[in-house]
Amino acid sequence: MRKRGHRVRAAVAVVTAAVLATGCGAFGGGGSGTKDSDSASRPAPRPAPVWDRSPDSIAAVGDSITRGFDACTVFSDCPEVSWATGSDAKVDSLAVRLLGVTGAAERSWNYAVTGARMADLPDQMAQAAARSPELVTVMAGANDACRGSVRAMTSVADFRADFEKALSTLRTALPKTQVYVASVPNLMRLWAEGRADPLGKQVWKLGICPSMLGDADDLTRSAVQRREKVQQRVEAYNAVLKEVCAKDRRCRFDGNAVFDFRFGTDQLSHWDWFHPSRNGQARLAEIAYRTITAERP
């Protein structure tokens, strides 16, 4: 009996030691078993979205289109009808759509310059960065193609370098500011639409986009080839805008929406039949708003 009791006590001691060894973890007392189980049951936190679809301030850079050139009076800027930052109710600009009328007046700035080319964009971007906007809109490139001759057009390599420099200027100052990039308009279509108006063609002779609009009624082989080269350069510029923007997580290209838009007589200035009218500016605002507020690019 003594030996049997000794064996029973020994067995109990072994079992007790085993229980103590496995400890709280085996019975849910806060050991590693419970922690692993809790971690598995909890969903991983969702990362904050990189793109904010409702930015609270806007700065615009670019050329005459963003300045509302020829939309109100001939050969004059009209920034109040700008698609990006204008206050005109008929345009319903991007700034008004995102910030409201009061917000647009207080927290949107237009640094675009009529006649500007991509080489001018880094300086404009530096001015915009000084305001610390949450969004910068870019529409530039038409003047790089609209030169006195085909040979004078900005090379694709220089266009790329200038655009990269502009984005780098912004990123150095404001790493998290978002950028909306509009494609260069279809200059061939603007020529095709505007050449039907005698007044427009007379205004073109004063120096509006001569590489595309010069000798507007000339349909000889050389003239056709000239216009095709300009059009090809515009398409190359848009490819650059898309590629460079795609490398920046906080940049959205419009997917060639501006280039593809079929500007008609209602959307073109009745002063020069080339720049957007109020109606055309409103269409540009719609494209920008749709691109910026989309859940995905």
Protein backbone atom coordinates (compact mmCIF):
# COMPACT_ATOMS: atom_id res chain seq x y z
CA MET A 1 0.00 0.00 0.00
CA ARG A 2 2.85 2.32 0.81
CA LYS A 3 4.42 1.77 -2.61
CA ARG A 4 1.07 2.25 -4.38
CA GLY A 5 0.42 5.50 -2.53
CA HIS A 6 3.87 6.66 -3.43
CA ARG A 7 3.15 5.97 -7.08
CA VAL A 8 -0.17 7.88 -6.95
CA ARG A 9 1.48 10.86 -5.31
CA ALA A 10 4.21 10.80 -7.96
CA ALA A 11 1.65 10.72 -10.78
CA VAL A 12 -0.25 13.64 -9.29
CA ALA A 13 2.99 15.60 -9.01
CA VAL A 14 3.80 14.95 -12.67
CA VAL A 15 0.33 16.07 -13.84
CA THR A 16 0.48 19.17 -11.64
CA ALA A 17 3.88 20.08 -13.05
CA ALA A 18 2.59 19.69 -16.59
CA VAL A 19 -0.36 21.97 -15.91
CA LEU A 20 1.88 24.58 -14.34
CA ALA A 21 4.26 24.34 -17.27
CA THR A 22 1.56 25.00 -19.85
CA GLY A 23 0.29 27.71 -17.51
CA CYS A 24 -2.22 30.41 -18.27
CA GLY A 25 -1.76 30.19 -21.98
CA ALA A 26 -3.48 26.83 -22.17
CA PHE A 27 -6.54 28.06 -20.31
CA GLY A 28 -6.94 31.61 -21.68
CA GLY A 29 -5.22 33.49 -18.89
CA GLY A 30 -3.39 35.98 -21.15
CA GLY A 31 -0.57 33.81 -22.49
CA SER A 32 0.65 33.56 -26.06
CA GLY A 33 -2.16 31.30 -27.15
CA THR A 34 -4.82 33.90 -26.42
CA LYS A 35 -2.81 36.69 -28.06
CA ASP A 36 -2.35 34.74 -31.27
CA SER A 37 -6.04 33.90 -31.36
CA ASP A 38 -7.07 37.52 -30.83
CA SER A 39 -4.69 38.72 -33.55
CA ALA A 40 -6.10 36.24 -36.01
CA SER A 41 -9.68 37.31 -35.27
CA ARG A 42 -9.04 41.05 -35.64
CA PRO A 43 -8.97 42.41 -39.23
CA ALA A 44 -5.81 44.24 -40.22
CA PRO A 45 -6.25 48.04 -40.07
CA ARG A 46 -6.98 49.57 -43.47
CA PRO A 47 -4.34 52.04 -44.62
CA ALA A 48 -5.49 55.62 -45.04
CA PRO A 49 -6.21 56.41 -48.71
CA VAL A 50 -3.39 58.25 -50.45
CA TRP A 51 -5.74 60.34 -52.59
CA ASP A 52 -8.05 62.83 -50.88
CA ARG A 53 -11.14 63.38 -53.05
CA SER A 54 -12.07 66.60 -51.25
CA PRO A 55 -8.97 68.81 -50.96
CA ASP A 56 -9.46 72.04 -49.03
CA SER A 57 -7.34 74.44 -51.11
CA ILE A 58 -6.30 74.71 -54.77
CA ALA A 59 -3.55 76.39 -56.77
CA ALA A 60 -3.56 76.39 -60.58
CA VAL A 61 -0.57 76.54 -62.91
CA GLY A 62 -0.42 76.52 -66.68
CA ASP A 63 -1.13 78.70 -69.69
CA SER A 64 -3.79 80.84 -71.36
CA ILE A 65 -6.54 78.23 -71.05
CA THR A 66 -6.35 78.36 -67.26
CA ARG A 67 -6.31 82.17 -67.46
CA GLY A 68 -9.59 82.19 -69.41
CA PHE A 69 -7.93 83.93 -72.36
CA ASP A 70 -10.35 85.22 -75.05
CA ALA A 71 -13.36 83.86 -73.17
CA CYS A 72 -14.72 87.32 -72.31
CA THR A 73 -13.03 89.85 -74.63
CA VAL A 74 -10.58 89.57 -77.50
CA PHE A 75 -6.90 89.08 -76.64
CA SER A 76 -7.52 89.42 -72.91
CA ASP A 77 -7.29 87.17 -69.87
CA CYS A 78 -10.53 86.52 -68.01
CA PRO A 79 -9.56 84.55 -64.88
CA GLU A 80 -13.04 84.80 -63.43
CA VAL A 81 -14.15 82.17 -65.98
CA SER A 82 -11.15 79.89 -65.44
CA TRP A 83 -12.11 76.22 -65.26
CA ALA A 84 -9.75 75.80 -62.29
CA THR A 85 -10.29 78.79 -60.00
CA GLY A 86 -12.91 81.04 -61.59
CA SER A 87 -15.91 82.57 -59.83
CA ASP A 88 -18.32 82.71 -62.80
CA ALA A 89 -21.54 80.86 -61.95
CA LYS A 90 -21.98 79.55 -65.51
CA VAL A 91 -18.56 77.91 -65.41
CA ASP A 92 -18.92 76.39 -61.92
CA SER A 93 -15.17 76.03 -61.65
CA LEU A 94 -13.31 73.20 -59.98
CA ALA A 95 -12.58 75.43 -56.98
CA VAL A 96 -16.25 76.32 -56.55
CA ARG A 97 -17.31 72.69 -56.88
CA LEU A 98 -14.81 71.53 -54.26
CA LEU A 99 -14.64 74.49 -51.88
CA GLY A 100 -17.89 76.38 -52.38
CA VAL A 101 -18.11 80.01 -53.50
CA THR A 102 -16.62 81.47 -50.31
CA GLY A 103 -13.96 78.79 -50.03
CA ALA A 104 -12.93 79.28 -53.65
CA ALA A 105 -12.50 83.01 -53.08
CA GLU A 106 -10.37 82.45 -49.98
CA ARG A 107 -8.44 79.26 -50.74
CA SER A 108 -7.74 79.09 -54.48
CA TRP A 109 -4.98 80.82 -56.44
CA ASN A 110 -4.25 81.08 -60.16
CA TYR A 111 -0.58 81.27 -61.18
CA ALA A 112 -1.07 80.35 -64.84
CA VAL A 113 0.36 82.75 -67.43
CA THR A 114 -0.86 83.29 -70.97
CA GLY A 115 1.78 82.08 -73.41
CA ALA A 116 3.54 79.89 -70.85
CA ARG A 117 5.30 76.71 -71.91
CA MET A 118 6.33 73.70 -69.88
CA ALA A 119 9.71 75.33 -69.21
CA ASP A 120 7.84 78.02 -67.25
CA LEU A 121 6.09 75.52 -65.02
CA PRO A 122 8.80 75.06 -62.34
CA ASP A 123 8.66 78.78 -61.45
CA GLN A 124 4.87 78.72 -61.37
CA MET A 125 4.98 75.62 -59.20
CA ALA A 126 7.29 77.34 -56.75
CA GLN A 127 4.80 80.21 -56.45
CA ALA A 128 1.98 77.76 -55.92
CA ALA A 129 3.93 75.83 -53.29
CA ALA A 130 4.33 79.00 -51.24
CA ARG A 131 0.57 78.85 -50.58
CA SER A 132 0.76 75.23 -49.33
CA PRO A 133 -2.30 74.12 -51.32
CA GLU A 134 -3.72 70.63 -50.88
CA LEU A 135 -4.18 70.34 -54.67
CA VAL A 136 -2.34 71.81 -57.65
CA THR A 137 -3.89 71.68 -61.11
CA VAL A 138 -1.69 71.56 -64.20
CA MET A 139 -2.70 72.38 -67.77
CA ALA A 140 0.29 73.13 -70.00
CA GLY A 141 1.83 71.99 -73.25
CA ALA A 142 -0.25 73.59 -75.99
CA ASN A 143 2.24 76.44 -76.38
CA ASP A 144 5.09 73.96 -76.68
CA ALA A 145 3.44 72.72 -79.87
CA CYS A 146 2.03 76.07 -80.97
CA ARG A 147 5.27 77.57 -82.26
CA GLY A 148 6.24 79.60 -85.30
CA SER A 149 7.26 76.42 -87.09
CA VAL A 150 7.36 72.67 -86.59
CA ARG A 151 11.11 72.81 -85.95
CA ALA A 152 10.58 75.32 -83.14
CA MET A 153 8.34 73.00 -81.12
CA THR A 154 9.68 71.87 -77.75
CA SER A 155 11.37 68.49 -78.02
CA VAL A 156 9.74 65.58 -76.20
CA ALA A 157 12.89 65.11 -74.10
CA ASP A 158 12.92 68.75 -72.98
CA PHE A 159 9.19 68.63 -72.30
CA ARG A 160 9.70 65.60 -70.06
CA ALA A 161 12.64 67.18 -68.22
CA ASP A 162 10.69 70.40 -67.60
CA PHE A 163 7.63 68.55 -66.30
CA GLU A 164 9.73 66.37 -64.02
CA LYS A 165 11.47 69.49 -62.70
CA ALA A 166 8.11 71.13 -62.01
CA LEU A 167 6.88 68.13 -60.01
CA SER A 168 10.19 67.90 -58.18
CA THR A 169 9.91 71.58 -57.24
CA LEU A 170 6.53 70.90 -55.70
CA ARG A 171 7.56 67.67 -53.99
CA THR A 172 10.61 69.28 -52.37
CA ALA A 173 8.35 71.82 -50.69
CA LEU A 174 5.12 69.83 -50.30
CA PRO A 175 5.54 66.03 -50.35
CA LYS A 176 1.83 65.33 -49.77
CA THR A 177 0.16 67.90 -52.01
CA GLN A 178 -1.94 66.29 -54.74
CA VAL A 179 -1.60 67.09 -58.43
CA TYR A 180 -4.21 66.95 -61.18
CA VAL A 181 -2.75 66.93 -64.70
CA ALA A 182 -4.93 67.76 -67.70
CA SER A 183 -3.97 66.48 -71.13
CA VAL A 184 -3.02 68.87 -73.94
CA PRO A 185 -6.10 69.59 -76.11
CA ASN A 186 -6.48 68.14 -79.59
CA LEU A 187 -5.11 71.00 -81.70
CA MET A 188 -6.06 69.31 -84.95
CA ARG A 189 -9.69 69.27 -83.91
CA LEU A 190 -9.56 72.93 -82.91
CA TRP A 191 -8.21 73.74 -86.39
CA ALA A 192 -10.97 71.69 -88.03
CA GLU A 193 -13.72 73.38 -86.00
CA GLY A 194 -12.44 76.95 -86.18
CA ARG A 195 -11.48 77.14 -89.86
CA ALA A 196 -15.14 77.32 -90.85
CA ASP A 197 -15.41 80.82 -89.36
CA PRO A 198 -13.99 83.69 -91.47
CA LEU A 199 -13.49 85.97 -88.45
CA GLY A 200 -11.66 83.27 -86.55
CA LYS A 201 -9.25 82.70 -89.41
CA GLN A 202 -8.47 86.41 -89.55
CA VAL A 203 -7.65 86.38 -85.84
CA TRP A 204 -5.46 83.31 -86.36
CA LYS A 205 -3.33 85.34 -88.76
CA LEU A 206 -2.33 87.56 -85.85
CA GLY A 207 -0.20 84.75 -84.50
CA ILE A 208 -2.36 82.18 -82.71
CA CYS A 209 -0.72 78.75 -82.90
CA PRO A 210 0.89 79.24 -86.33
CA SER A 211 2.36 75.74 -86.49
CA MET A 212 -1.17 74.32 -86.59
CA LEU A 213 -3.42 77.23 -87.64
CA GLY A 214 -1.19 79.02 -90.14
CA ASP A 215 -2.57 79.00 -93.73
CA ALA A 216 -5.72 77.44 -92.35
CA ASP A 217 -7.28 76.69 -95.75
CA ASP A 218 -4.12 75.22 -97.25
CA LEU A 219 -4.78 71.53 -97.86
CA THR A 220 -1.67 70.76 -99.88
CA ARG A 221 0.44 67.78 -98.91
CA SER A 222 3.06 69.88 -97.13
CA ALA A 223 0.43 71.71 -95.06
CA VAL A 224 -1.28 68.46 -94.11
CA GLN A 225 2.05 66.93 -93.10
CA ARG A 226 2.88 70.00 -91.02
CA ARG A 227 -0.34 69.71 -89.06
CA GLU A 228 0.15 65.97 -88.61
CA LYS A 229 3.59 66.56 -87.11
CA VAL A 230 2.13 69.04 -84.65
CA GLN A 231 -0.60 66.59 -83.73
CA GLN A 232 1.94 63.79 -83.22
CA ARG A 233 3.96 66.03 -80.93
CA VAL A 234 0.87 66.79 -78.85
CA GLU A 235 0.19 63.06 -78.52
CA ALA A 236 3.80 62.52 -77.44
CA TYR A 237 3.46 65.27 -74.83
CA ASN A 238 0.37 63.59 -73.44
CA ALA A 239 2.22 60.29 -73.22
CA VAL A 240 4.91 62.05 -71.17
CA LEU A 241 2.33 63.61 -68.84
CA LYS A 242 0.77 60.21 -68.26
CA GLU A 243 4.08 58.42 -67.65
CA VAL A 244 5.60 61.00 -65.31
CA CYS A 245 2.38 61.44 -63.35
CA ALA A 246 2.03 57.66 -62.93
CA LYS A 247 5.30 57.59 -60.98
CA ASP A 248 3.88 59.91 -58.31
CA ARG A 249 1.36 58.36 -55.90
CA ARG A 250 -0.33 61.71 -55.40
CA CYS A 251 -0.69 62.65 -59.07
CA ARG A 252 -3.70 61.97 -61.30
CA PHE A 253 -3.69 62.35 -65.09
CA ASP A 254 -7.03 62.88 -66.78
CA GLY A 255 -6.59 59.83 -69.03
CA ASN A 256 -6.59 62.06 -72.14
CA ALA A 257 -10.10 63.27 -71.33
CA VAL A 258 -9.33 66.86 -72.38
CA PHE A 259 -7.59 65.69 -75.55
CA ASP A 260 -10.53 63.43 -76.40
CA PHE A 261 -13.22 66.04 -75.68
CA ARG A 262 -14.94 67.09 -78.89
CA PHE A 263 -14.88 70.87 -78.59
CA GLY A 264 -17.59 72.33 -80.81
CA THR A 265 -18.57 75.88 -81.70
CA ASP A 266 -20.37 76.32 -78.37
CA GLN A 267 -17.23 75.41 -76.45
CA LEU A 268 -14.86 77.69 -78.41
CA SER A 269 -14.25 81.41 -78.01
CA HIS A 270 -16.17 83.39 -80.64
CA TRP A 271 -13.25 85.80 -80.65
CA ASP A 272 -10.57 83.41 -81.85
CA TRP A 273 -12.31 80.02 -82.34
CA PHE A 274 -9.43 78.31 -80.60
CA HIS A 275 -9.47 78.98 -76.85
CA PRO A 276 -12.36 77.67 -74.72
CA SER A 277 -15.45 79.82 -74.27
CA ARG A 278 -17.33 79.99 -70.96
CA ASN A 279 -19.09 76.82 -72.02
CA GLY A 280 -15.78 75.19 -72.87
CA GLN A 281 -14.31 76.24 -69.54
CA ALA A 282 -17.29 74.63 -67.81
CA ARG A 283 -16.62 71.37 -69.66
CA LEU A 284 -12.98 71.46 -68.52
CA ALA A 285 -14.15 71.99 -64.93
CA GLU A 286 -16.43 68.96 -65.23
CA ILE A 287 -13.59 66.77 -66.49
CA ALA A 288 -11.29 67.88 -63.68
CA TYR A 289 -13.92 67.42 -60.98
CA ARG A 290 -14.81 63.97 -62.24
CA THR A 291 -11.16 62.89 -62.28
CA ILE A 292 -10.32 64.30 -58.86
CA THR A 293 -13.40 62.96 -57.05
CA ALA A 294 -13.33 59.49 -58.62
CA GLU A 295 -12.68 56.67 -56.14
CA ARG A 296 -9.99 55.33 -58.43
CA PRO A 297 -7.93 57.07 -61.13
